[in-house]
Protein backbone atom coordinates (compact mmCIF):
# COMPACT_ATOMS: atom_id res chain seq x y z
CA MET A 1 -38.05 -117.20 130.19
CA ARG A 2 -34.72 -116.05 131.43
CA ALA A 3 -33.14 -117.48 128.27
CA LEU A 4 -35.43 -115.37 126.11
CA ALA A 5 -34.48 -112.06 127.76
CA PRO A 6 -31.28 -111.50 125.81
CA ILE A 7 -33.14 -112.24 122.64
CA ARG A 8 -35.78 -109.60 123.41
CA ARG A 9 -33.06 -107.06 123.97
CA LEU A 10 -31.50 -107.86 120.58
CA VAL A 11 -34.74 -107.50 118.59
CA PRO A 12 -34.83 -103.64 118.64
CA LEU A 13 -31.21 -103.47 117.63
CA ALA A 14 -31.82 -105.80 114.70
CA LEU A 15 -34.83 -103.81 113.58
CA ALA A 16 -32.85 -100.56 113.71
CA ALA A 17 -30.07 -102.12 111.65
CA LEU A 18 -32.63 -103.40 109.13
CA VAL A 19 -34.25 -99.96 108.79
CA ALA A 20 -30.88 -98.34 108.31
CA ALA A 21 -29.97 -100.85 105.64
CA CYS A 22 -33.21 -100.22 103.76
CA ALA A 23 -32.97 -96.41 103.92
CA PRO A 24 -31.85 -94.65 100.68
CA THR A 25 -28.20 -93.70 100.70
CA THR A 26 -27.27 -90.06 99.99
CA PRO A 27 -24.68 -89.84 97.20
CA PRO A 28 -21.53 -87.91 97.97
CA PRO A 29 -21.47 -84.30 96.69
CA ALA A 30 -20.24 -83.95 93.12
CA PRO A 31 -16.88 -82.24 92.75
CA GLN A 32 -17.18 -78.58 91.79
CA PRO A 33 -15.77 -77.71 88.33
CA VAL A 34 -12.56 -75.76 88.48
CA THR A 35 -13.08 -72.27 87.08
CA PRO A 36 -10.21 -71.37 84.77
CA GLN A 37 -8.32 -68.33 85.99
CA ILE A 38 -8.60 -65.37 83.56
CA THR A 39 -5.44 -63.31 83.48
CA ASP A 40 -4.48 -60.16 81.61
CA GLU A 41 -2.38 -62.24 79.27
CA THR A 42 -5.40 -64.42 78.45
CA LEU A 43 -7.49 -61.34 77.62
CA ARG A 44 -4.62 -59.81 75.65
CA ALA A 45 -4.32 -62.95 73.54
CA ARG A 46 -8.08 -62.97 73.01
CA ALA A 47 -7.98 -59.32 71.90
CA ARG A 48 -5.22 -60.08 69.38
CA ASP A 49 -7.21 -63.01 68.00
CA GLN A 50 -10.32 -60.85 67.63
CA LEU A 51 -8.31 -58.15 65.88
CA ALA A 52 -6.87 -60.68 63.42
CA THR A 53 -10.33 -62.13 62.81
CA GLY A 54 -11.80 -58.66 62.27
CA LEU A 55 -9.15 -57.77 59.69
CA LYS A 56 -9.74 -61.04 57.81
CA LEU A 57 -13.48 -60.45 57.78
CA TYR A 58 -12.92 -56.92 56.50
CA ASP A 59 -10.74 -58.21 53.67
CA THR A 60 -13.45 -60.69 52.65
CA GLY A 61 -16.12 -57.96 52.65
CA ASP A 62 -17.97 -59.16 55.76
CA TYR A 63 -18.23 -55.67 57.26
CA ASP A 64 -20.81 -56.58 59.94
CA GLY A 65 -18.63 -59.41 61.19
CA ALA A 66 -15.56 -57.18 61.05
CA LEU A 67 -17.40 -54.52 63.07
CA ARG A 68 -18.23 -57.01 65.83
CA SER A 69 -14.74 -58.53 66.03
CA LEU A 70 -12.88 -55.22 65.91
CA THR A 71 -15.16 -53.68 68.54
CA GLY A 72 -14.68 -56.74 70.75
CA ALA A 73 -10.91 -56.52 70.38
CA LEU A 74 -10.95 -52.91 71.58
CA GLU A 75 -13.31 -53.57 74.50
CA HIS A 76 -10.64 -55.58 76.33
CA GLY A 77 -8.51 -52.43 76.53
CA LEU A 78 -5.29 -54.43 76.29
CA LEU A 79 -4.20 -53.91 72.68
CA PRO A 80 -1.01 -51.90 72.06
CA LYS A 81 -1.57 -48.39 70.72
CA THR A 82 -0.51 -49.33 67.20
CA ASP A 83 -3.02 -52.18 67.13
CA GLN A 84 -5.70 -49.90 68.56
CA SER A 85 -5.08 -47.45 65.71
CA VAL A 86 -5.33 -50.26 63.17
CA ALA A 87 -8.63 -51.38 64.66
CA ARG A 88 -10.01 -47.82 64.78
CA LYS A 89 -8.91 -47.19 61.20
CA HIS A 90 -10.72 -50.25 59.87
CA LEU A 91 -13.80 -49.42 61.92
CA ALA A 92 -13.75 -46.00 60.22
CA PHE A 93 -13.46 -47.71 56.83
CA VAL A 94 -16.43 -49.97 57.64
CA HIS A 95 -18.61 -47.05 58.73
CA CYS A 96 -17.70 -44.93 55.70
CA LEU A 97 -18.31 -47.83 53.31
CA SER A 98 -21.70 -48.35 54.96
CA GLY A 99 -22.66 -44.68 54.52
CA ARG A 100 -22.26 -43.78 58.21
CA GLU A 101 -20.08 -40.67 58.01
CA ALA A 102 -20.51 -39.49 61.63
CA PRO A 103 -19.15 -42.69 63.27
CA CYS A 104 -16.52 -42.82 60.52
CA ARG A 105 -15.28 -39.38 61.61
CA ASP A 106 -15.42 -40.45 65.27
CA GLU A 107 -13.23 -43.49 64.65
CA PHE A 108 -10.65 -41.47 62.71
CA ARG A 109 -10.57 -38.94 65.51
CA LYS A 110 -10.07 -41.67 68.13
CA ALA A 111 -7.21 -43.08 66.02
CA PHE A 112 -5.51 -39.66 66.10
CA GLU A 113 -6.10 -39.35 69.84
CA ILE A 114 -4.50 -42.75 70.43
CA ASP A 115 -1.53 -42.01 68.17
CA PRO A 116 -0.86 -38.36 67.17
CA ALA A 117 1.37 -39.66 64.36
CA PHE A 118 -1.48 -41.75 62.91
CA ALA A 119 -1.69 -41.49 59.12
CA LEU A 120 -3.17 -43.41 56.22
CA THR A 121 -1.03 -44.86 53.48
CA ALA A 122 -0.95 -43.04 50.15
CA ALA A 123 -3.38 -45.56 48.63
CA GLU A 124 -5.75 -45.32 51.62
CA ASP A 125 -5.60 -41.50 51.63
CA GLY A 126 -6.66 -41.44 47.99
CA HIS A 127 -9.79 -43.53 48.53
CA PRO A 128 -12.80 -41.56 47.22
CA ILE A 129 -15.13 -42.56 50.07
CA TRP A 130 -13.16 -42.19 53.29
CA GLY A 131 -10.22 -40.07 52.01
CA PRO A 132 -12.08 -36.73 52.25
CA VAL A 133 -13.44 -37.64 55.70
CA TYR A 134 -9.98 -38.54 56.98
CA ARG A 135 -8.41 -35.33 55.66
CA SER A 136 -11.24 -33.25 57.10
CA VAL A 137 -10.73 -34.76 60.56
CA ARG A 138 -6.97 -34.27 60.31
CA ASN A 139 -7.31 -30.61 59.32
CA GLN A 140 -9.86 -30.01 62.05
CA LEU A 141 -7.51 -31.43 64.68
CA ILE A 142 -4.66 -29.28 63.37
CA ALA A 143 -6.87 -26.19 63.58
CA GLU A 144 -7.92 -27.10 67.12
CA ARG A 145 -4.31 -27.64 68.16
CA GLU A 146 -3.25 -24.29 66.74
CA ALA A 147 -6.20 -22.55 68.39
CA ALA A 148 -5.26 -24.10 71.74
CA GLN A 149 -1.75 -22.71 71.31
CA GLY A 150 -3.12 -19.23 70.64
CA LYS A 151 -2.21 -19.15 66.96
CA SER A 152 -5.70 -18.59 65.62
CA THR A 153 -7.10 -15.97 67.96
CA ALA A 154 -6.88 -13.10 65.47
CA PRO A 155 -9.66 -12.86 62.85
CA LEU A 156 -8.67 -13.93 59.35
CA GLY A 157 -8.15 -11.43 56.59
CA LYS A 158 -10.20 -11.65 53.42
CA ALA A 159 -7.59 -13.63 51.48
CA GLU A 160 -6.95 -15.98 54.41
CA GLN A 161 -10.69 -16.56 54.86
CA LEU A 162 -11.03 -17.41 51.17
CA LEU A 163 -8.16 -19.85 51.60
CA ALA A 164 -9.84 -21.50 54.60
CA ASP A 165 -13.17 -21.74 52.76
CA GLY A 166 -11.46 -23.18 49.71
CA LEU A 167 -9.78 -25.88 51.79
CA VAL A 168 -13.11 -26.81 53.35
CA LYS A 169 -14.63 -27.22 49.89
CA TYR A 170 -11.64 -29.30 48.85
CA GLU A 171 -12.11 -31.66 51.79
CA ALA A 172 -15.81 -31.91 50.93
CA GLY A 173 -14.94 -32.97 47.38
CA ASP A 174 -16.31 -29.84 45.67
CA PHE A 175 -13.23 -29.27 43.55
CA THR A 176 -14.77 -26.70 41.20
CA GLU A 177 -15.83 -24.39 44.03
CA SER A 178 -12.57 -25.05 45.86
CA THR A 179 -10.58 -23.93 42.82
CA ARG A 180 -12.65 -20.75 42.54
CA LEU A 181 -12.14 -19.82 46.18
CA LEU A 182 -8.44 -20.64 46.22
CA GLU A 183 -7.77 -18.64 43.07
CA ALA A 184 -9.72 -15.73 44.60
CA ALA A 185 -7.50 -15.94 47.69
CA LEU A 186 -4.39 -15.79 45.52
CA LYS A 187 -5.78 -12.85 43.58
CA GLU A 188 -6.66 -11.04 46.82
CA GLY A 189 -3.09 -11.52 48.02
CA LEU A 190 -2.13 -13.89 50.82
CA LYS A 191 0.26 -12.40 53.36
CA GLN A 192 2.28 -15.52 54.09
CA LYS A 193 4.32 -17.33 51.47
CA THR A 194 3.37 -20.67 53.04
CA ASP A 195 -0.32 -19.85 52.58
CA GLU A 196 0.32 -18.86 48.97
CA VAL A 197 2.06 -22.16 48.25
CA ARG A 198 -0.68 -24.07 50.07
CA ALA A 199 -3.38 -22.43 47.97
CA MET A 200 -1.51 -23.07 44.72
CA LYS A 201 -0.85 -26.68 45.70
CA HIS A 202 -4.52 -27.39 46.35
CA VAL A 203 -5.49 -25.72 43.09
CA ALA A 204 -3.17 -28.20 41.39
CA PHE A 205 -4.74 -31.07 43.34
CA CYS A 206 -8.22 -29.94 42.26
CA LEU A 207 -7.20 -29.77 38.62
CA CYS A 208 -5.62 -33.23 38.66
CA LEU A 209 -8.65 -34.69 40.45
CA GLN A 210 -10.79 -33.33 37.59
CA ASP A 211 -8.45 -34.92 35.00
CA LYS A 212 -7.22 -31.48 33.86
CA TYR A 213 -3.63 -32.65 33.75
CA PRO A 214 -2.06 -29.94 31.54
CA ALA A 215 -3.47 -27.23 33.80
CA CYS A 216 -2.43 -29.24 36.87
CA ARG A 217 1.13 -29.50 35.54
CA ALA A 218 1.23 -25.77 34.79
CA GLN A 219 0.04 -25.01 38.32
CA PHE A 220 2.69 -27.21 39.90
CA LEU A 221 5.33 -25.55 37.74
CA LYS A 222 4.09 -22.13 38.86
CA ILE A 223 4.65 -23.11 42.50
CA PHE A 224 8.37 -23.64 41.86
CA THR A 225 8.68 -20.02 40.74
CA VAL A 226 7.42 -19.00 44.19
CA ASP A 227 9.34 -21.64 46.15
CA PRO A 228 12.18 -23.40 44.27
CA ASP A 229 12.51 -25.92 47.14
CA PHE A 230 8.82 -26.84 47.11
CA ASP A 231 7.97 -30.52 47.63
CA LEU A 232 4.98 -32.63 48.61
CA THR A 233 4.75 -34.74 51.73
CA PRO A 234 5.29 -38.50 51.16
CA ALA A 235 1.54 -39.12 51.50
CA GLU A 236 0.71 -36.34 49.03
CA ALA A 237 3.41 -37.35 46.55
CA GLY A 238 2.06 -40.92 46.43
CA HIS A 239 -1.48 -39.90 45.48
CA PRO A 240 -2.46 -41.84 42.34
CA GLN A 241 -4.16 -38.85 40.70
CA TRP A 242 -1.09 -36.60 40.53
CA THR A 243 1.98 -38.63 41.47
CA LYS A 244 3.28 -38.86 37.88
CA THR A 245 2.28 -35.30 37.00
CA PHE A 246 4.08 -33.85 40.01
CA ALA A 247 7.17 -36.02 39.55
CA GLY A 248 7.53 -34.89 35.93
CA THR A 249 6.95 -31.24 36.84
CA LYS A 250 9.47 -31.41 39.67
CA ALA A 251 12.11 -32.84 37.35
CA GLN A 252 11.35 -30.14 34.78
CA ALA A 253 11.61 -27.41 37.41
CA LYS A 254 14.99 -28.68 38.61
CA GLN A 255 16.35 -28.62 35.06
CA ARG A 256 15.44 -25.01 34.42
CA PRO A 257 18.45 -22.69 34.51
CA VAL A 258 18.53 -20.31 37.40
CA ALA A 259 18.18 -16.76 36.15
CA ALA A 260 21.37 -14.75 36.65
CA PRO A 261 20.95 -11.62 38.73
CA ALA A 262 20.52 -8.51 36.62
CA ARG A 263 23.74 -6.53 36.23
CA PRO A 264 23.50 -2.88 37.22
CA ALA A 265 23.44 -0.44 34.30
CA ALA A 266 26.80 1.11 33.48
CA THR A 267 27.20 4.67 34.67
CA PRO A 268 27.65 6.92 31.61
CA ALA A 269 31.01 8.62 31.39
CA PRO A 270 30.92 12.35 32.09
CA ALA A 271 30.90 14.59 29.02
CA ALA A 272 34.28 16.04 28.07
CA VAL A 273 34.72 19.64 29.22
CA PRO A 274 36.40 21.82 26.56
CA PRO A 275 39.65 23.43 27.76
CA PRO A 276 39.60 27.15 28.52
CA PRO A 277 40.70 29.43 25.63
CA SER A 278 44.38 30.44 25.61
CA PRO A 279 45.27 34.13 26.14
CA ALA A 280 46.46 34.44 22.55
CA SER A 281 43.22 33.20 21.12
CA SER A 282 41.19 35.41 23.42
CA ALA A 283 43.09 38.62 22.54
CA PRO A 284 41.27 40.89 20.04
CA LYS A 285 42.57 40.77 16.51
CA LYS A 286 44.24 43.83 15.10
CA GLY A 287 42.48 45.28 12.09
């Protein structure tokens, strides 16, 4: 019996070891995936890629896809100002081409706010769909800037109001009504020479845009009589509707001889005064 005592003490230990061996083993915890660190440079590169994708989609005519990619590129807020203007410009194009004028105007305005020197190319400016919207936004911003500087506080005169109304009609594409208003402003008499030239210039633009090229040429030529140094801006000069007409008129105006100043009329010589009679001739004759 004494020999069996150690064996009895070992039985519980063996059973415990057996239970432990049969128990299910818990697998070690799986390693956690390493989250890639997102830096500003990563987001900047992503924004550039989205901008490039948006421009490619725009060129292929996928305007919905371009809208998504260009918007995504801007949402990162890390594009340089020039790239932001490019993205805003093409978003404006997409909205205008889709018949959404209000967001088209908003995008053009944002492009100007990002870069005050923002401008379309000559070909883009002449586009019949978004060109008038772009010019309207640009003129509105100019007017707001001048008003903020206190240049537009005084009410406009009749001629100046006609000029302003005519420019609004021009931007809206109503070239017939614009011509009527601008010619009325010229007839009324604009006070500033710059306003006179501006009115005449836009009359010429209206005529060329209506394919009235002889009248357009005559109008351009008339401007040079008011301002011999007149010229268009690079964007205006490159417009496809009048670039050749203006270039030919400018060359013609430069070849015209400058009128010599009128010479003052000669002062007439004073009439000859007869000499006084001599004493001999004035003495009475003897009879």
